[in-house]
Amino acid sequence: MRNQTPSLTICFVLALTLLPALALEEGCRSEEAGATSIPHPETTNDFGGPVDIGGDRKLYLICRGTGKPTVILESGYHESSDAWITADAFPPAVLPGVAGFTRVCAYDRPGTARYTDPPQLTDRSNPAPMPRTAEQIGEDLHALLAAARVPAPYVLVGHSMGGLLARYYAQVHPDEVIGMVMVDAFPIEMPELLGAEWPAYRMLLDNTVPEFATNEQFERIDVEASIAEIKNAPPLRRMPLIVLSKTEPFAHPPNSAGFSFESLERSWPIGAAELIKLEPETPHIMVTGSDHYIQVNQPDIVIQSIRLVIERAGKLR
């Protein structure tokens, strides 16, 4: 178990260098080779490759398993789908683990970084103009799932900023989403909770990896605009929700001077409480011993939470 693993994407550079690829099975590696000739995701259980979403753009998609509903894994800020096929304990990793009982897919958003040493931006998905908002990212995901003929209903699993993106998608596509798991997710109340500290924190979020600071292709999300889009979207429909929270403190990246992590640690649980209020009877699981990367520290907890949401969704329908 790592002592100080990355927090949110503030410590993403540490994630890239410290996260072992224990869950990168031979099948996952082989999916990247010859990607242009692999079968269509609808016609094969194990799929990994680019999918044409129109507009001369392709997004990388990886799918495993069979059954319904389909679980969609949404990574945190700046992060590729590698986060879901990586585990440092309690294997298997989330994606292969969920594939044992239903269909599961993850994808690379444009400009996200691979878990490589040294870090590199994904070349598996085409670049897109930055910054982007939850609406634009949601449109990409909707186009990807349609083009790949990945069938609804979906259970969305969002880590960190991916939780904000999953929430937006669920609000604007209520007929497609039947449940969600928030993995130490970013709450829309964070700017208000941090107050005067928000601008400094916002700068850290956007500039986590020095190598990419001037790279125009590096993912940048307009968080304030995305929060406004969520507030203006239709309310979340009734569905099962589970909120997972870390117990260990955020790590401090080298470029964090001048930012009060004490304020962040105080605000984060308050934000989690707001996520719990999104749906009645929402379990809140404190994942003891885990830092922000719960899906890597303790993937079995995430896997079982997904299973529980699927069971609850079946009883609600």
Protein backbone atom coordinates (compact mmCIF):
# COMPACT_ATOMS: atom_id res chain seq x y z
CA MET A 1 0.00 0.00 0.00
CA ARG A 2 1.34 3.42 -0.87
CA ASN A 3 1.89 5.89 1.95
CA GLN A 4 1.02 9.09 0.05
CA THR A 5 -0.76 8.42 -3.17
CA PRO A 6 -2.23 11.15 -5.37
CA SER A 7 -5.13 13.31 -4.36
CA LEU A 8 -7.75 14.43 -6.83
CA THR A 9 -5.67 15.38 -9.84
CA ILE A 10 -3.62 17.78 -7.78
CA CYS A 11 -1.12 14.93 -7.25
CA PHE A 12 -1.56 13.32 -10.61
CA VAL A 13 2.13 13.39 -11.38
CA LEU A 14 2.69 11.12 -8.39
CA ALA A 15 0.03 8.74 -9.64
CA LEU A 16 1.78 8.41 -12.96
CA THR A 17 5.03 7.39 -11.37
CA LEU A 18 3.85 5.37 -8.35
CA LEU A 19 0.84 3.37 -9.52
CA PRO A 20 1.95 -0.15 -10.48
CA ALA A 21 0.20 -1.72 -13.43
CA LEU A 22 -0.79 -4.86 -11.55
CA ALA A 23 -4.07 -5.10 -13.38
CA LEU A 24 -2.68 -4.60 -16.86
CA GLU A 25 -3.26 -8.18 -17.93
CA GLU A 26 -2.00 -9.54 -21.21
CA GLY A 27 -5.46 -9.06 -22.67
CA CYS A 28 -5.40 -5.36 -21.88
CA ARG A 29 -1.97 -4.94 -23.43
CA SER A 30 -2.89 -6.76 -26.60
CA GLU A 31 -5.97 -4.59 -27.10
CA GLU A 32 -3.77 -1.62 -27.95
CA ALA A 33 -1.89 -3.44 -30.68
CA GLY A 34 -3.61 -3.54 -34.05
CA ALA A 35 -6.44 -1.41 -32.71
CA THR A 36 -7.61 -0.36 -36.16
CA SER A 37 -8.57 -3.91 -37.08
CA ILE A 38 -10.22 -5.08 -33.88
CA PRO A 39 -13.86 -6.25 -33.87
CA HIS A 40 -16.79 -3.95 -33.20
CA PRO A 41 -17.51 -3.57 -29.44
CA GLU A 42 -21.05 -4.87 -29.88
CA THR A 43 -19.85 -8.15 -31.39
CA THR A 44 -17.07 -9.14 -28.97
CA ASN A 45 -16.80 -9.46 -25.20
CA ASP A 46 -13.28 -8.01 -25.00
CA PHE A 47 -12.83 -4.84 -27.02
CA GLY A 48 -10.21 -2.11 -26.96
CA GLY A 49 -9.66 0.43 -29.69
CA PRO A 50 -10.70 3.68 -31.37
CA VAL A 51 -14.34 4.38 -32.19
CA ASP A 52 -15.34 6.97 -34.77
CA ILE A 53 -17.71 9.49 -33.16
CA GLY A 54 -17.95 11.77 -36.21
CA GLY A 55 -16.35 15.08 -37.03
CA ASP A 56 -13.07 13.36 -37.93
CA ARG A 57 -12.63 12.32 -34.31
CA LYS A 58 -12.12 8.98 -32.60
CA LEU A 59 -12.18 8.09 -28.93
CA TYR A 60 -10.52 5.09 -27.35
CA LEU A 61 -12.97 2.65 -25.74
CA ILE A 62 -12.33 -0.52 -23.77
CA CYS A 63 -15.16 -2.94 -22.92
CA ARG A 64 -15.22 -6.25 -21.11
CA GLY A 65 -17.81 -8.78 -19.94
CA THR A 66 -21.42 -9.45 -20.85
CA GLY A 67 -24.83 -8.66 -19.46
CA LYS A 68 -26.95 -5.67 -18.45
CA PRO A 69 -26.82 -2.99 -17.24
CA THR A 70 -23.61 -1.64 -18.78
CA VAL A 71 -21.26 0.00 -16.29
CA ILE A 72 -19.52 3.14 -17.60
CA LEU A 73 -16.35 4.21 -15.79
CA GLU A 74 -15.56 7.95 -15.86
CA SER A 75 -12.01 8.86 -14.81
CA GLY A 76 -10.88 11.87 -12.82
CA TYR A 77 -9.47 15.13 -14.16
CA HIS A 78 -6.55 14.65 -16.60
CA GLU A 79 -6.76 10.84 -16.27
CA SER A 80 -7.12 8.19 -18.96
CA SER A 81 -8.95 4.90 -18.56
CA ASP A 82 -5.76 3.40 -17.07
CA ALA A 83 -7.09 4.24 -13.60
CA TRP A 84 -9.69 1.47 -13.92
CA ILE A 85 -7.29 -1.30 -14.95
CA THR A 86 -4.77 -0.56 -12.19
CA ALA A 87 -4.74 -1.95 -8.65
CA ASP A 88 -2.15 -1.85 -5.89
CA ALA A 89 -4.07 -4.19 -3.59
CA PHE A 90 -7.17 -6.37 -3.40
CA PRO A 91 -7.18 -7.36 -7.09
CA PRO A 92 -8.66 -7.59 -9.60
CA ALA A 93 -8.79 -3.98 -10.75
CA VAL A 94 -12.23 -2.43 -11.18
CA LEU A 95 -12.75 -2.98 -14.90
CA PRO A 96 -11.82 -6.68 -15.03
CA GLY A 97 -13.57 -7.23 -11.70
CA VAL A 98 -16.88 -5.78 -12.86
CA ALA A 99 -16.57 -7.74 -16.12
CA GLY A 100 -17.07 -10.86 -14.04
CA PHE A 101 -20.79 -10.09 -13.62
CA THR A 102 -21.84 -7.54 -16.27
CA ARG A 103 -20.71 -5.46 -19.25
CA VAL A 104 -18.29 -2.65 -18.35
CA CYS A 105 -16.61 0.06 -20.45
CA ALA A 106 -14.12 2.87 -19.93
CA TYR A 107 -12.67 5.43 -22.34
CA ASP A 108 -9.93 8.02 -22.78
CA ARG A 109 -11.14 11.60 -22.82
CA PRO A 110 -9.02 13.79 -25.13
CA GLY A 111 -5.88 15.19 -23.55
CA THR A 112 -5.80 12.80 -20.60
CA ALA A 113 -2.60 11.19 -19.37
CA ARG A 114 -1.53 7.56 -19.36
CA TYR A 115 -0.08 5.81 -16.32
CA THR A 116 3.38 5.70 -17.83
CA ASP A 117 6.85 6.75 -16.71
CA PRO A 118 7.51 9.38 -17.88
CA PRO A 119 3.90 10.57 -18.21
CA GLN A 120 2.49 10.96 -21.71
CA LEU A 121 -0.80 12.15 -23.09
CA THR A 122 -3.03 9.51 -24.59
CA ASP A 123 -2.65 9.13 -28.35
CA ARG A 124 -5.57 6.71 -28.43
CA SER A 125 -8.20 9.47 -28.58
CA ASN A 126 -8.06 12.45 -30.93
CA PRO A 127 -7.40 15.88 -29.39
CA ALA A 128 -10.18 18.39 -28.84
CA PRO A 129 -10.15 22.17 -28.27
CA MET A 130 -9.57 23.13 -24.63
CA PRO A 131 -10.99 24.08 -22.21
CA ARG A 132 -14.09 21.89 -22.25
CA THR A 133 -17.24 21.70 -20.15
CA ALA A 134 -19.39 18.90 -18.75
CA GLU A 135 -21.84 19.43 -21.62
CA GLN A 136 -19.18 18.95 -24.30
CA ILE A 137 -17.70 15.93 -22.55
CA GLY A 138 -21.17 14.47 -22.09
CA GLU A 139 -21.89 14.93 -25.80
CA ASP A 140 -18.69 13.05 -26.59
CA LEU A 141 -19.64 10.18 -24.30
CA HIS A 142 -23.16 10.01 -25.72
CA ALA A 143 -21.79 9.93 -29.27
CA LEU A 144 -19.23 7.29 -28.31
CA LEU A 145 -21.77 4.95 -26.72
CA ALA A 146 -24.11 5.37 -29.70
CA ALA A 147 -21.39 4.81 -32.29
CA ALA A 148 -20.09 1.75 -30.45
CA ARG A 149 -23.64 0.48 -29.94
CA VAL A 150 -23.08 0.07 -26.23
CA PRO A 151 -26.58 -0.62 -24.94
CA ALA A 152 -28.33 1.23 -22.11
CA PRO A 153 -29.27 1.12 -19.30
CA TYR A 154 -26.07 2.40 -17.73
CA VAL A 155 -24.65 2.53 -14.24
CA LEU A 156 -22.19 5.43 -14.10
CA VAL A 157 -19.12 5.30 -11.87
CA GLY A 158 -17.25 8.58 -11.49
CA HIS A 159 -13.97 9.19 -9.71
CA SER A 160 -13.11 12.70 -8.54
CA MET A 161 -13.98 15.17 -11.33
CA GLY A 162 -15.42 12.19 -13.18
CA GLY A 163 -18.21 12.20 -10.60
CA LEU A 164 -19.20 15.71 -11.67
CA LEU A 165 -19.20 14.58 -15.32
CA ALA A 166 -21.23 11.46 -14.52
CA ARG A 167 -23.76 13.53 -12.59
CA TYR A 168 -24.27 15.85 -15.55
CA TYR A 169 -24.74 12.93 -17.93
CA ALA A 170 -27.31 11.32 -15.64
CA GLN A 171 -29.28 14.56 -15.39
CA VAL A 172 -29.48 15.16 -19.15
CA HIS A 173 -29.99 11.50 -20.12
CA PRO A 174 -32.43 10.29 -17.44
CA ASP A 175 -33.80 7.45 -19.58
CA GLU A 176 -30.34 5.92 -19.98
CA VAL A 177 -28.95 5.95 -16.43
CA ILE A 178 -30.31 3.75 -13.63
CA GLY A 179 -27.67 4.19 -10.93
CA MET A 180 -24.38 5.82 -9.93
CA VAL A 181 -21.35 5.25 -7.75
CA MET A 182 -19.41 8.34 -6.67
CA VAL A 183 -15.76 7.47 -5.92
CA ASP A 184 -14.48 10.31 -3.72
CA ALA A 185 -16.21 12.55 -6.23
CA PHE A 186 -15.88 16.29 -6.74
CA PRO A 187 -18.96 18.15 -5.39
CA ILE A 188 -20.38 21.17 -7.19
CA GLU A 189 -20.35 23.05 -3.87
CA MET A 190 -16.55 23.09 -3.68
CA PRO A 191 -16.02 26.67 -4.96
CA GLU A 192 -18.40 27.96 -2.30
CA LEU A 193 -16.93 25.75 0.41
CA LEU A 194 -13.37 26.88 -0.29
CA GLY A 195 -14.33 30.53 -0.69
CA ALA A 196 -11.21 32.69 -1.05
CA GLU A 197 -9.08 29.54 -1.37
CA TRP A 198 -10.90 28.40 -4.52
CA PRO A 199 -8.79 30.32 -7.11
CA ALA A 200 -5.55 28.79 -5.76
CA TYR A 201 -7.08 25.33 -5.71
CA ARG A 202 -8.45 25.84 -9.22
CA MET A 203 -4.96 26.69 -10.44
CA LEU A 204 -3.60 23.48 -8.93
CA LEU A 205 -6.31 21.43 -10.60
CA ASP A 206 -5.48 22.82 -14.02
CA ASN A 207 -1.70 22.54 -13.74
CA THR A 208 -0.91 19.20 -12.17
CA VAL A 209 1.81 17.92 -14.49
CA PRO A 210 4.60 20.43 -15.26
CA GLU A 211 5.49 18.66 -18.51
CA PHE A 212 2.08 19.53 -19.92
CA ALA A 213 1.69 23.07 -18.57
CA THR A 214 2.07 24.62 -22.03
CA ASN A 215 0.62 21.72 -24.02
CA GLU A 216 -2.57 22.94 -25.66
CA GLN A 217 -3.85 19.38 -25.94
CA PHE A 218 -3.69 18.69 -22.19
CA GLU A 219 -7.18 18.30 -20.74
CA ARG A 220 -8.60 21.43 -19.18
CA ILE A 221 -12.14 21.59 -17.85
CA ASP A 222 -13.99 24.82 -17.20
CA VAL A 223 -15.20 23.78 -13.76
CA GLU A 224 -17.30 26.87 -13.08
CA ALA A 225 -19.12 26.56 -16.41
CA SER A 226 -19.64 22.85 -15.82
CA ILE A 227 -21.15 23.50 -12.40
CA ALA A 228 -23.50 26.04 -13.96
CA GLU A 229 -24.53 23.44 -16.57
CA ILE A 230 -25.36 20.96 -13.82
CA LYS A 231 -27.42 23.54 -11.93
CA ASN A 232 -29.34 24.39 -15.10
CA ALA A 233 -29.90 20.78 -16.14
CA PRO A 234 -33.04 18.78 -15.23
CA PRO A 235 -32.95 17.40 -11.70
CA LEU A 236 -31.53 13.96 -11.10
CA ARG A 237 -34.18 11.26 -11.42
CA ARG A 238 -34.76 8.70 -8.68
CA MET A 239 -32.01 6.08 -8.79
CA PRO A 240 -29.74 4.19 -6.40
CA LEU A 241 -26.53 6.01 -5.48
CA ILE A 242 -23.51 5.07 -3.37
CA VAL A 243 -20.92 7.59 -2.19
CA LEU A 244 -17.41 6.36 -1.34
CA SER A 245 -15.05 8.60 0.64
CA LYS A 246 -11.35 8.46 1.50
CA THR A 247 -10.04 8.54 5.07
CA GLU A 248 -6.42 9.47 4.36
CA PRO A 249 -5.29 13.07 3.69
CA PHE A 250 -4.60 14.50 0.28
CA ALA A 251 -0.98 14.43 -0.79
CA HIS A 252 0.73 17.77 -1.37
CA PRO A 253 2.31 18.29 -4.80
CA PRO A 254 5.46 20.37 -5.19
CA ASN A 255 3.60 23.32 -6.74
CA SER A 256 1.07 23.66 -3.90
CA ALA A 257 2.81 26.42 -1.94
CA GLY A 258 0.34 29.02 -0.80
CA PHE A 259 -2.67 26.72 -0.77
CA SER A 260 -4.26 25.63 2.51
CA PHE A 261 -4.83 21.90 2.43
CA GLU A 262 -6.40 22.20 5.86
CA SER A 263 -9.23 24.09 4.18
CA LEU A 264 -9.57 21.37 1.54
CA GLU A 265 -9.64 18.60 4.16
CA ARG A 266 -12.37 20.45 6.06
CA SER A 267 -14.43 21.12 2.96
CA TRP A 268 -14.21 17.73 1.27
CA PRO A 269 -16.44 15.82 3.77
CA ILE A 270 -19.00 18.62 3.64
CA GLY A 271 -19.09 18.24 -0.13
CA ALA A 272 -19.50 14.48 0.23
CA ALA A 273 -22.50 15.09 2.48
CA GLU A 274 -24.07 17.14 -0.31
CA LEU A 275 -23.56 14.25 -2.74
CA ILE A 276 -25.31 11.90 -0.31
CA LYS A 277 -28.35 14.20 -0.32
CA LEU A 278 -28.80 13.74 -4.09
CA GLU A 279 -30.80 10.56 -3.52
CA PRO A 280 -32.69 9.13 -0.53
CA GLU A 281 -31.23 6.13 1.32
CA THR A 282 -27.76 6.66 -0.12
CA PRO A 283 -25.07 4.55 1.59
CA HIS A 284 -21.97 6.52 2.52
CA ILE A 285 -18.95 4.23 2.76
CA MET A 286 -15.80 5.52 4.43
CA VAL A 287 -13.03 3.46 2.85
CA THR A 288 -10.64 3.14 5.77
CA GLY A 289 -6.99 3.43 4.84
CA SER A 290 -7.60 4.72 1.33
CA ASP A 291 -6.51 8.00 -0.16
CA HIS A 292 -8.31 9.77 -2.98
CA TYR A 293 -7.64 6.89 -5.41
CA ILE A 294 -10.04 4.41 -3.85
CA GLN A 295 -10.43 2.50 -7.11
CA VAL A 296 -6.70 1.74 -7.05
CA ASN A 297 -6.20 1.33 -3.29
CA GLN A 298 -9.25 -0.86 -2.68
CA PRO A 299 -10.87 -1.82 -5.98
CA ASP A 300 -12.90 -4.56 -4.33
CA ILE A 301 -14.94 -1.92 -2.44
CA VAL A 302 -15.74 -0.13 -5.70
CA ILE A 303 -16.65 -3.41 -7.41
CA GLN A 304 -19.02 -4.45 -4.63
CA SER A 305 -20.58 -0.98 -4.56
CA ILE A 306 -21.32 -1.29 -8.27
CA ARG A 307 -22.88 -4.70 -7.68
CA LEU A 308 -25.08 -3.26 -4.92
CA VAL A 309 -26.25 -0.37 -7.11
CA ILE A 310 -27.19 -2.85 -9.84
CA GLU A 311 -29.15 -4.95 -7.33
CA ARG A 312 -30.97 -1.90 -5.98
CA ALA A 313 -31.72 -0.63 -9.46
CA GLY A 314 -33.37 -3.94 -10.30
CA LYS A 315 -35.67 -3.60 -7.30
CA LEU A 316 -36.64 -0.03 -8.16
CA ARG A 317 -37.63 -0.75 -11.75
